[in-house]
Amino acid sequence: MKEAVMGNSDTHNVLREVSIPFERKGEPGVWSIEEIGPDGEIHQAIFIGPEAKERCEEYAAFKYAAQ
């Protein structure tokens, strides 16, 4: 599931897609969040370990809440 986020890039607004945290298919316990930028570039953060889901959700809240 993805949501559009409006961000500010210095002098103009930029629309990009940000996914909500998700567990990767076929990789139990591996959580990701990704962003597709205005030029189509993909940024992805991957979390692995006992608290991967919580760390992924915390990162997403911190990274995208202010935008």
PDB file of N, CA and C in Angstrom:
ATOM      1  N   MET A   1       0.852  -1.170   0.000  1.00  0.00           N
ATOM      2  CA  MET A   1       0.000   0.000   0.000  1.00  0.00           C
ATOM      3  C   MET A   1       0.897   1.232   0.000  1.00  0.00           C
ATOM      4  N   LYS A   2       0.566   2.187  -0.826  1.00  0.00           N
ATOM      5  CA  LYS A   2       1.357   3.404  -0.917  1.00  0.00           C
ATOM      6  C   LYS A   2       0.460   4.606  -0.703  1.00  0.00           C
ATOM      7  N   GLU A   3       1.088   5.700  -0.283  1.00  0.00           N
ATOM      8  CA  GLU A   3       0.338   6.944  -0.153  1.00  0.00           C
ATOM      9  C   GLU A   3       1.166   8.051  -0.759  1.00  0.00           C
ATOM     10  N   ALA A   4       0.505   9.039  -1.303  1.00  0.00           N
ATOM     11  CA  ALA A   4       1.207  10.185  -1.875  1.00  0.00           C
ATOM     12  C   ALA A   4       1.507  11.170  -0.765  1.00  0.00           C
ATOM     13  N   VAL A   5       2.698  11.726  -0.808  1.00  0.00           N
ATOM     14  CA  VAL A   5       3.125  12.688   0.201  1.00  0.00           C
ATOM     15  C   VAL A   5       3.603  13.938  -0.521  1.00  0.00           C
ATOM     16  N   MET A   6       3.155  15.085  -0.066  1.00  0.00           N
ATOM     17  CA  MET A   6       3.598  16.349  -0.635  1.00  0.00           C
ATOM     18  C   MET A   6       4.749  16.860   0.208  1.00  0.00           C
ATOM     19  N   GLY A   7       5.892  17.044  -0.410  1.00  0.00           N
ATOM     20  CA  GLY A   7       7.058  17.563   0.302  1.00  0.00           C
ATOM     21  C   GLY A   7       7.464  18.894  -0.282  1.00  0.00           C
ATOM     22  N   ASN A   8       8.347  19.590   0.382  1.00  0.00           N
ATOM     23  CA  ASN A   8       8.804  20.882  -0.085  1.00  0.00           C
ATOM     24  C   ASN A   8      10.262  20.764  -0.497  1.00  0.00           C
ATOM     25  N   SER A   9      10.552  21.027  -1.731  1.00  0.00           N
ATOM     26  CA  SER A   9      11.919  20.980  -2.239  1.00  0.00           C
ATOM     27  C   SER A   9      12.373  22.405  -2.519  1.00  0.00           C
ATOM     28  N   ASP A  10      12.863  23.059  -1.488  1.00  0.00           N
ATOM     29  CA  ASP A  10      13.332  24.445  -1.531  1.00  0.00           C
ATOM     30  C   ASP A  10      12.249  25.425  -1.994  1.00  0.00           C
ATOM     31  N   THR A  11      12.030  25.558  -3.303  1.00  0.00           N
ATOM     32  CA  THR A  11      11.112  26.593  -3.778  1.00  0.00           C
ATOM     33  C   THR A  11       9.782  26.083  -4.302  1.00  0.00           C
ATOM     34  N   HIS A  12       9.618  24.753  -4.419  1.00  0.00           N
ATOM     35  CA  HIS A  12       8.355  24.244  -4.943  1.00  0.00           C
ATOM     36  C   HIS A  12       7.993  22.919  -4.280  1.00  0.00           C
ATOM     37  N   ASN A  13       6.719  22.574  -4.348  1.00  0.00           N
ATOM     38  CA  ASN A  13       6.258  21.324  -3.766  1.00  0.00           C
ATOM     39  C   ASN A  13       6.569  20.162  -4.707  1.00  0.00           C
ATOM     40  N   VAL A  14       6.877  19.016  -4.104  1.00  0.00           N
ATOM     41  CA  VAL A  14       7.206  17.815  -4.865  1.00  0.00           C
ATOM     42  C   VAL A  14       6.285  16.699  -4.393  1.00  0.00           C
ATOM     43  N   LEU A  15       5.655  16.003  -5.323  1.00  0.00           N
ATOM     44  CA  LEU A  15       4.794  14.886  -4.988  1.00  0.00           C
ATOM     45  C   LEU A  15       5.579  13.593  -5.176  1.00  0.00           C
ATOM     46  N   ARG A  16       5.543  12.723  -4.158  1.00  0.00           N
ATOM     47  CA  ARG A  16       6.209  11.435  -4.271  1.00  0.00           C
ATOM     48  C   ARG A  16       5.371  10.377  -3.569  1.00  0.00           C
ATOM     49  N   GLU A  17       5.642   9.128  -3.872  1.00  0.00           N
ATOM     50  CA  GLU A  17       4.905   8.026  -3.256  1.00  0.00           C
ATOM     51  C   GLU A  17       5.747   7.425  -2.142  1.00  0.00           C
ATOM     52  N   VAL A  18       5.109   7.170  -1.002  1.00  0.00           N
ATOM     53  CA  VAL A  18       5.775   6.555   0.140  1.00  0.00           C
ATOM     54  C   VAL A  18       4.944   5.351   0.557  1.00  0.00           C
ATOM     55  N   SER A  19       5.594   4.215   0.720  1.00  0.00           N
ATOM     56  CA  SER A  19       4.851   3.025   1.153  1.00  0.00           C
ATOM     57  C   SER A  19       4.717   3.030   2.667  1.00  0.00           C
ATOM     58  N   ILE A  20       3.727   2.329   3.138  1.00  0.00           N
ATOM     59  CA  ILE A  20       3.646   2.097   4.569  1.00  0.00           C
ATOM     60  C   ILE A  20       4.556   0.906   4.856  1.00  0.00           C
ATOM     61  N   PRO A  21       5.050   0.767   6.080  1.00  0.00           N
ATOM     62  CA  PRO A  21       5.934  -0.360   6.385  1.00  0.00           C
ATOM     63  C   PRO A  21       5.274  -1.694   6.025  1.00  0.00           C
ATOM     64  N   PHE A  22       6.051  -2.598   5.433  1.00  0.00           N
ATOM     65  CA  PHE A  22       5.528  -3.904   5.044  1.00  0.00           C
ATOM     66  C   PHE A  22       6.582  -4.979   5.258  1.00  0.00           C
ATOM     67  N   GLU A  23       6.094  -6.188   5.557  1.00  0.00           N
ATOM     68  CA  GLU A  23       6.986  -7.335   5.679  1.00  0.00           C
ATOM     69  C   GLU A  23       7.229  -7.873   4.271  1.00  0.00           C
ATOM     70  N   ARG A  24       8.490  -8.108   3.946  1.00  0.00           N
ATOM     71  CA  ARG A  24       8.839  -8.529   2.586  1.00  0.00           C
ATOM     72  C   ARG A  24       8.338  -9.935   2.290  1.00  0.00           C
ATOM     73  N   LYS A  25       7.817 -10.120   1.091  1.00  0.00           N
ATOM     74  CA  LYS A  25       7.304 -11.431   0.667  1.00  0.00           C
ATOM     75  C   LYS A  25       8.435 -12.459   0.670  1.00  0.00           C
ATOM     76  N   GLY A  26       8.160 -13.599   1.272  1.00  0.00           N
ATOM     77  CA  GLY A  26       9.138 -14.679   1.277  1.00  0.00           C
ATOM     78  C   GLY A  26      10.307 -14.464   2.221  1.00  0.00           C
ATOM     79  N   GLU A  27      10.281 -13.390   2.992  1.00  0.00           N
ATOM     80  CA  GLU A  27      11.363 -13.084   3.930  1.00  0.00           C
ATOM     81  C   GLU A  27      10.772 -12.724   5.288  1.00  0.00           C
ATOM     82  N   PRO A  28      10.315 -13.724   6.033  1.00  0.00           N
ATOM     83  CA  PRO A  28       9.710 -13.443   7.340  1.00  0.00           C
ATOM     84  C   PRO A  28      10.662 -12.671   8.260  1.00  0.00           C
ATOM     85  N   GLY A  29      10.113 -11.650   8.909  1.00  0.00           N
ATOM     86  CA  GLY A  29      10.915 -10.861   9.839  1.00  0.00           C
ATOM     87  C   GLY A  29      11.729  -9.748   9.202  1.00  0.00           C
ATOM     88  N   VAL A  30      11.641  -9.601   7.879  1.00  0.00           N
ATOM     89  CA  VAL A  30      12.358  -8.530   7.177  1.00  0.00           C
ATOM     90  C   VAL A  30      11.319  -7.486   6.765  1.00  0.00           C
ATOM     91  N   TRP A  31      11.480  -6.268   7.286  1.00  0.00           N
ATOM     92  CA  TRP A  31      10.511  -5.193   7.060  1.00  0.00           C
ATOM     93  C   TRP A  31      11.142  -4.074   6.241  1.00  0.00           C
ATOM     94  N   SER A  32      10.350  -3.449   5.388  1.00  0.00           N
ATOM     95  CA  SER A  32      10.838  -2.397   4.493  1.00  0.00           C
ATOM     96  C   SER A  32       9.876  -1.227   4.438  1.00  0.00           C
ATOM     97  N   ILE A  33      10.418  -0.131   4.002  1.00  0.00           N
ATOM     98  CA  ILE A  33       9.624   1.032   3.605  1.00  0.00           C
ATOM     99  C   ILE A  33      10.336   1.626   2.405  1.00  0.00           C
ATOM    100  N   GLU A  34       9.579   2.093   1.428  1.00  0.00           N
ATOM    101  CA  GLU A  34      10.214   2.663   0.244  1.00  0.00           C
ATOM    102  C   GLU A  34       9.521   3.938  -0.193  1.00  0.00           C
ATOM    103  N   GLU A  35      10.275   4.715  -0.939  1.00  0.00           N
ATOM    104  CA  GLU A  35       9.799   5.992  -1.461  1.00  0.00           C
ATOM    105  C   GLU A  35      10.162   6.050  -2.938  1.00  0.00           C
ATOM    106  N   ILE A  36       9.226   6.504  -3.747  1.00  0.00           N
ATOM    107  CA  ILE A  36       9.499   6.748  -5.160  1.00  0.00           C
ATOM    108  C   ILE A  36       9.482   8.255  -5.350  1.00  0.00           C
ATOM    109  N   GLY A  37      10.621   8.803  -5.723  1.00  0.00           N
ATOM    110  CA  GLY A  37      10.762  10.246  -5.857  1.00  0.00           C
ATOM    111  C   GLY A  37      10.150  10.781  -7.139  1.00  0.00           C
ATOM    112  N   PRO A  38      10.154  12.092  -7.289  1.00  0.00           N
ATOM    113  CA  PRO A  38       9.501  12.732  -8.442  1.00  0.00           C
ATOM    114  C   PRO A  38      10.138  12.371  -9.783  1.00  0.00           C
ATOM    115  N   ASP A  39      11.388  11.952  -9.771  1.00  0.00           N
ATOM    116  CA  ASP A  39      12.064  11.570 -11.009  1.00  0.00           C
ATOM    117  C   ASP A  39      12.088  10.057 -11.206  1.00  0.00           C
ATOM    118  N   GLY A  40      11.335   9.326 -10.361  1.00  0.00           N
ATOM    119  CA  GLY A  40      11.256   7.878 -10.487  1.00  0.00           C
ATOM    120  C   GLY A  40      12.306   7.117  -9.699  1.00  0.00           C
ATOM    121  N   GLU A  41      13.166   7.815  -8.991  1.00  0.00           N
ATOM    122  CA  GLU A  41      14.192   7.139  -8.200  1.00  0.00           C
ATOM    123  C   GLU A  41      13.534   6.431  -7.012  1.00  0.00           C
ATOM    124  N   ILE A  42      14.096   5.311  -6.603  1.00  0.00           N
ATOM    125  CA  ILE A  42      13.538   4.528  -5.500  1.00  0.00           C
ATOM    126  C   ILE A  42      14.519   4.531  -4.335  1.00  0.00           C
ATOM    127  N   HIS A  43      14.011   4.869  -3.156  1.00  0.00           N
ATOM    128  CA  HIS A  43      14.784   4.836  -1.917  1.00  0.00           C
ATOM    129  C   HIS A  43      14.120   3.797  -1.032  1.00  0.00           C
ATOM    130  N   GLN A  44      14.933   2.903  -0.455  1.00  0.00           N
ATOM    131  CA  GLN A  44      14.359   1.847   0.372  1.00  0.00           C
ATOM    132  C   GLN A  44      15.184   1.667   1.635  1.00  0.00           C
ATOM    133  N   ALA A  45      14.491   1.516   2.761  1.00  0.00           N
ATOM    134  CA  ALA A  45      15.127   1.198   4.033  1.00  0.00           C
ATOM    135  C   ALA A  45      14.650  -0.192   4.431  1.00  0.00           C
ATOM    136  N   ILE A  46      15.588  -1.044   4.841  1.00  0.00           N
ATOM    137  CA  ILE A  46      15.290  -2.429   5.199  1.00  0.00           C
ATOM    138  C   ILE A  46      15.693  -2.654   6.647  1.00  0.00           C
ATOM    139  N   PHE A  47      14.814  -3.317   7.399  1.00  0.00           N
ATOM    140  CA  PHE A  47      15.047  -3.584   8.815  1.00  0.00           C
ATOM    141  C   PHE A  47      14.972  -5.085   9.059  1.00  0.00           C
ATOM    142  N   ILE A  48      15.987  -5.614   9.748  1.00  0.00           N
ATOM    143  CA  ILE A  48      16.078  -7.044  10.029  1.00  0.00           C
ATOM    144  C   ILE A  48      16.384  -7.216  11.511  1.00  0.00           C
ATOM    145  N   GLY A  49      15.770  -8.202  12.136  1.00  0.00           N
ATOM    146  CA  GLY A  49      16.069  -8.485  13.533  1.00  0.00           C
ATOM    147  C   GLY A  49      14.811  -8.601  14.363  1.00  0.00           C
ATOM    148  N   PRO A  50      15.001  -8.837  15.668  1.00  0.00           N
ATOM    149  CA  PRO A  50      13.864  -9.106  16.544  1.00  0.00           C
ATOM    150  C   PRO A  50      12.844  -7.977  16.626  1.00  0.00           C
ATOM    151  N   GLU A  51      13.250  -6.748  16.439  1.00  0.00           N
ATOM    152  CA  GLU A  51      12.327  -5.607  16.522  1.00  0.00           C
ATOM    153  C   GLU A  51      12.235  -4.864  15.197  1.00  0.00           C
ATOM    154  N   ALA A  52      12.395  -5.612  14.105  1.00  0.00           N
ATOM    155  CA  ALA A  52      12.426  -4.994  12.779  1.00  0.00           C
ATOM    156  C   ALA A  52      11.146  -4.224  12.469  1.00  0.00           C
ATOM    157  N   LYS A  53       9.995  -4.820  12.760  1.00  0.00           N
ATOM    158  CA  LYS A  53       8.723  -4.156  12.466  1.00  0.00           C
ATOM    159  C   LYS A  53       8.614  -2.836  13.229  1.00  0.00           C
ATOM    160  N   GLU A  54       8.915  -2.862  14.510  1.00  0.00           N
ATOM    161  CA  GLU A  54       8.820  -1.648  15.333  1.00  0.00           C
ATOM    162  C   GLU A  54       9.802  -0.578  14.860  1.00  0.00           C
ATOM    163  N   ARG A  55      11.032  -0.995  14.512  1.00  0.00           N
ATOM    164  CA  ARG A  55      12.019  -0.018  14.034  1.00  0.00           C
ATOM    165  C   ARG A  55      11.619   0.569  12.692  1.00  0.00           C
ATOM    166  N   CYS A  56      11.036  -0.246  11.816  1.00  0.00           N
ATOM    167  CA  CYS A  56      10.580   0.230  10.513  1.00  0.00           C
ATOM    168  C   CYS A  56       9.447   1.243  10.677  1.00  0.00           C
ATOM    169  N   GLU A  57       8.492   0.930  11.546  1.00  0.00           N
ATOM    170  CA  GLU A  57       7.374   1.853  11.794  1.00  0.00           C
ATOM    171  C   GLU A  57       7.860   3.159  12.419  1.00  0.00           C
ATOM    172  N   GLU A  58       8.809   3.049  13.345  1.00  0.00           N
ATOM    173  CA  GLU A  58       9.363   4.246  13.990  1.00  0.00           C
ATOM    174  C   GLU A  58      10.100   5.114  12.975  1.00  0.00           C
ATOM    175  N   TYR A  59      10.883   4.490  12.111  1.00  0.00           N
ATOM    176  CA  TYR A  59      11.608   5.222  11.067  1.00  0.00           C
ATOM    177  C   TYR A  59      10.626   5.937  10.132  1.00  0.00           C
ATOM    178  N   ALA A  60       9.577   5.224   9.716  1.00  0.00           N
ATOM    179  CA  ALA A  60       8.591   5.810   8.810  1.00  0.00           C
ATOM    180  C   ALA A  60       7.915   7.019   9.458  1.00  0.00           C
ATOM    181  N   ALA A  61       7.541   6.888  10.723  1.00  0.00           N
ATOM    182  CA  ALA A  61       6.891   7.998  11.425  1.00  0.00           C
ATOM    183  C   ALA A  61       7.811   9.196  11.528  1.00  0.00           C
ATOM    184  N   PHE A  62       9.080   8.955  11.827  1.00  0.00           N
ATOM    185  CA  PHE A  62      10.052  10.044  11.952  1.00  0.00           C
ATOM    186  C   PHE A  62      10.353  10.674  10.594  1.00  0.00           C
ATOM    187  N   LYS A  63      10.617   9.851   9.603  1.00  0.00           N
ATOM    188  CA  LYS A  63      11.043  10.334   8.292  1.00  0.00           C
ATOM    189  C   LYS A  63       9.948  11.094   7.540  1.00  0.00           C
ATOM    190  N   TYR A  64       8.697  10.635   7.638  1.00  0.00           N
ATOM    191  CA  TYR A  64       7.660  11.197   6.784  1.00  0.00           C
ATOM    192  C   TYR A  64       6.600  12.024   7.518  1.00  0.00           C
ATOM    193  N   ALA A  65       6.644  12.093   8.841  1.00  0.00           N
ATOM    194  CA  ALA A  65       5.634  12.828   9.590  1.00  0.00           C
ATOM    195  C   ALA A  65       5.704  14.337   9.348  1.00  0.00           C
ATOM    196  N   ALA A  66       6.879  14.880   9.239  1.00  0.00           N
ATOM    197  CA  ALA A  66       7.044  16.333   9.125  1.00  0.00           C
ATOM    198  C   ALA A  66       6.867  16.829   7.693  1.00  0.00           C
ATOM    199  N   GLN A  67       6.634  15.924   6.761  1.00  0.00           N
ATOM    200  CA  GLN A  67       6.569  16.345   5.352  1.00  0.00           C
ATOM    201  C   GLN A  67       5.163  16.440   4.855  1.00  0.00           C
TER     202      GLN A  67
END
